[in-house]
Amino acid sequence: MIRIVIAEDQGLLLETISSLLNLEEDMEVVGKASNGEEALTLVGRLKPDVCIMDLEMPEKDGLEAAEALNPSECKIIILTTFAKAGYFERALKANVKGYLLKDGTSNELVCSIRSIMDGNRIYANELSDLDSSYYERDTKGLAQIAGRNCNQQRNTYGMVRHYISTIMDKMKLPTG
């Protein structure tokens, strides 16, 4: 059984993720926190296998909490809406095992948790254009979980994003 603590400051999302994960036969949400401080307390007390953390939370954000945890305590997964280089770099330095975006599917989250428990690192494909060196080192990503060739999809996706960004810049269109 994979024991999970979730830290998310949006109550509805916290309950939804918890309910979805508890439907899995091999997963159990053992604790729920609304900020990073609570997450640290729950991880220390409950000794979960995985802690899923939002980035921006009150009191202590997800990265501060991840940095405070010993990587041997549990595997940290960041689940956020932010695909920003600075956040991603800090997450990697904190030995975060997964960095996923909230616009993914529940199946991607579940499969990512299992893959991380098997010793893999999982980073959202949207992060590939932020720093390709991490993708050369850790080639197992969400595309592989879905049964596709990760390198091929990442290279294609990153190339398309690059071309679209270049075109939008030349046309002076907003990219956000």
Protein backbone atom coordinates (compact mmCIF):
# COMPACT_ATOMS: atom_id res chain seq x y z
CA MET A 1 0.00 0.00 0.00
CA ILE A 2 1.36 3.42 -1.00
CA ARG A 3 0.76 5.84 1.88
CA ILE A 4 0.23 9.45 0.78
CA VAL A 5 0.06 12.89 2.39
CA ILE A 6 -1.39 15.71 0.28
CA ALA A 7 -0.68 19.40 0.90
CA GLU A 8 -3.03 21.72 -1.00
CA ASP A 9 -4.53 25.00 0.21
CA GLN A 10 -7.65 24.80 -1.98
CA GLY A 11 -10.09 22.66 -0.01
CA LEU A 12 -12.15 21.38 -2.92
CA LEU A 13 -9.04 20.32 -4.83
CA LEU A 14 -7.54 18.71 -1.72
CA GLU A 15 -10.67 16.62 -1.17
CA THR A 16 -10.98 15.72 -4.86
CA ILE A 17 -7.38 14.51 -5.18
CA SER A 18 -7.72 12.60 -1.93
CA SER A 19 -10.94 10.90 -3.05
CA LEU A 20 -9.49 9.95 -6.44
CA LEU A 21 -6.33 8.46 -4.95
CA ASN A 22 -8.27 6.56 -2.28
CA LEU A 23 -10.17 4.79 -5.10
CA GLU A 24 -6.93 3.08 -6.11
CA GLU A 25 -6.45 -0.37 -4.54
CA ASP A 26 -2.77 0.22 -3.83
CA MET A 27 -3.00 3.81 -2.48
CA GLU A 28 -4.20 5.37 0.75
CA VAL A 29 -4.27 9.05 1.63
CA VAL A 30 -3.22 9.06 5.28
CA GLY A 31 -3.03 12.82 5.78
CA LYS A 32 -4.23 16.13 4.32
CA ALA A 33 -2.63 19.51 4.94
CA SER A 34 -3.63 23.02 3.88
CA ASN A 35 -0.09 24.46 4.06
CA GLY A 36 3.56 23.46 4.07
CA GLU A 37 3.93 23.61 7.86
CA GLU A 38 1.08 21.14 8.34
CA ALA A 39 2.60 18.92 5.64
CA LEU A 40 5.94 18.78 7.47
CA THR A 41 4.17 17.85 10.71
CA LEU A 42 2.11 15.13 9.01
CA VAL A 43 5.11 13.67 7.18
CA GLY A 44 7.06 13.53 10.43
CA ARG A 45 4.20 11.89 12.30
CA LEU A 46 2.66 9.60 9.66
CA LYS A 47 5.80 8.56 7.72
CA PRO A 48 4.10 8.37 4.28
CA ASP A 49 5.76 6.98 1.18
CA VAL A 50 4.78 10.03 -0.88
CA CYS A 51 3.91 13.66 -0.17
CA ILE A 52 2.11 15.56 -2.93
CA MET A 53 2.55 19.31 -2.51
CA ASP A 54 1.15 22.39 -4.13
CA LEU A 55 3.69 25.15 -4.69
CA GLU A 56 1.96 28.27 -3.47
CA MET A 57 0.47 27.74 -0.03
CA PRO A 58 0.27 29.87 3.12
CA GLU A 59 2.76 29.71 6.01
CA LYS A 60 5.32 27.59 4.11
CA ASP A 61 5.11 26.94 0.40
CA GLY A 62 5.63 23.53 -1.18
CA LEU A 63 9.24 24.17 -2.16
CA GLU A 64 10.19 25.41 1.31
CA ALA A 65 8.57 22.29 2.77
CA ALA A 66 10.32 20.05 0.22
CA GLU A 67 13.66 21.68 1.03
CA ALA A 68 13.05 21.07 4.76
CA LEU A 69 12.34 17.36 4.28
CA ASN A 70 15.04 14.74 4.22
CA PRO A 71 14.69 12.97 0.84
CA SER A 72 14.86 9.63 2.64
CA GLU A 73 11.72 10.50 4.66
CA CYS A 74 9.39 10.28 1.67
CA LYS A 75 9.22 10.97 -2.03
CA ILE A 76 8.02 14.50 -2.85
CA ILE A 77 5.81 15.29 -5.83
CA ILE A 78 5.07 18.90 -6.68
CA LEU A 79 1.59 19.30 -8.20
CA THR A 80 1.11 22.84 -9.45
CA THR A 81 -0.15 25.14 -12.18
CA PHE A 82 3.29 26.75 -12.53
CA ALA A 83 5.79 25.52 -15.12
CA LYS A 84 8.47 28.07 -14.27
CA ALA A 85 12.21 27.49 -14.55
CA GLY A 86 13.00 28.94 -11.11
CA TYR A 87 10.49 26.69 -9.35
CA PHE A 88 11.61 23.66 -11.32
CA GLU A 89 15.30 24.26 -10.54
CA ARG A 90 14.56 24.63 -6.81
CA ALA A 91 12.47 21.46 -6.89
CA LEU A 92 15.32 19.52 -8.46
CA LYS A 93 17.79 20.84 -5.87
CA ALA A 94 15.37 19.71 -3.15
CA ASN A 95 15.46 16.20 -4.67
CA VAL A 96 11.79 16.31 -5.65
CA LYS A 97 10.95 13.09 -7.48
CA GLY A 98 8.05 14.48 -9.50
CA TYR A 99 6.94 17.85 -10.84
CA LEU A 100 3.48 17.59 -12.36
CA LEU A 101 1.00 20.14 -13.61
CA LYS A 102 -2.58 20.32 -12.40
CA ASP A 103 -3.96 20.29 -15.92
CA GLY A 104 -2.89 16.64 -16.26
CA THR A 105 -5.29 13.75 -15.82
CA SER A 106 -5.94 11.75 -12.66
CA ASN A 107 -4.57 8.70 -14.48
CA GLU A 108 -1.29 10.54 -15.12
CA LEU A 109 -1.05 11.38 -11.42
CA VAL A 110 -1.75 7.79 -10.35
CA CYS A 111 0.70 6.34 -12.87
CA SER A 112 3.32 8.91 -11.90
CA ILE A 113 3.02 7.99 -8.22
CA ARG A 114 3.53 4.32 -9.04
CA SER A 115 6.47 5.07 -11.33
CA ILE A 116 8.10 7.28 -8.68
CA MET A 117 7.67 4.49 -6.14
CA ASP A 118 9.54 2.26 -8.62
CA GLY A 119 12.49 4.67 -8.43
CA ASN A 120 11.82 6.91 -11.44
CA ARG A 121 11.61 10.68 -11.60
CA ILE A 122 8.63 12.15 -13.42
CA TYR A 123 8.58 15.70 -14.78
CA ALA A 124 5.77 17.19 -16.83
CA ASN A 125 6.61 17.40 -20.53
CA GLU A 126 5.90 21.15 -20.45
CA LEU A 127 9.09 21.56 -18.43
CA SER A 128 11.30 20.08 -21.14
CA ASP A 129 12.03 23.44 -22.76
CA LEU A 130 13.09 24.94 -19.41
CA ASP A 131 16.20 22.81 -19.06
CA SER A 132 16.83 19.94 -21.44
CA SER A 133 19.81 18.63 -19.42
CA TYR A 134 17.44 17.20 -16.82
CA TYR A 135 15.64 15.34 -19.57
CA GLU A 136 18.85 13.87 -20.89
CA ARG A 137 19.55 12.50 -17.40
CA ASP A 138 16.00 11.36 -16.57
CA THR A 139 14.27 10.22 -19.72
CA LYS A 140 11.25 8.64 -18.08
CA GLY A 141 8.35 11.06 -18.22
CA LEU A 142 4.61 11.20 -18.57
CA ALA A 143 4.80 10.25 -22.24
CA GLN A 144 6.45 6.97 -21.33
CA ILE A 145 3.74 6.25 -18.78
CA ALA A 146 1.18 6.68 -21.53
CA GLY A 147 3.09 4.13 -23.63
CA ARG A 148 4.75 6.56 -26.03
CA ASN A 149 8.42 7.08 -26.76
CA CYS A 150 9.39 9.81 -24.29
CA ASN A 151 12.40 11.19 -26.14
CA GLN A 152 10.55 11.37 -29.43
CA GLN A 153 7.52 13.14 -27.95
CA ARG A 154 9.62 15.51 -25.84
CA ASN A 155 11.75 16.54 -28.78
CA THR A 156 8.71 17.06 -31.01
CA TYR A 157 6.77 18.91 -28.34
CA GLY A 158 9.68 21.16 -27.41
CA MET A 159 10.44 21.90 -31.05
CA VAL A 160 6.82 22.84 -31.79
CA ARG A 161 6.63 25.08 -28.72
CA HIS A 162 9.88 26.76 -29.73
CA TYR A 163 8.63 27.45 -33.26
CA ILE A 164 5.27 28.75 -32.04
CA SER A 165 6.97 31.04 -29.49
CA THR A 166 9.35 32.34 -32.15
CA ILE A 167 6.47 33.07 -34.55
CA MET A 168 4.43 34.78 -31.81
CA ASP A 169 7.45 36.88 -30.81
CA LYS A 170 8.01 37.96 -34.41
CA MET A 171 4.32 38.84 -34.76
CA LYS A 172 4.47 40.61 -31.37
CA LEU A 173 1.57 38.50 -30.03
CA PRO A 174 1.18 37.80 -26.29
CA THR A 175 2.37 34.33 -25.31
CA GLY A 176 0.57 34.11 -21.95
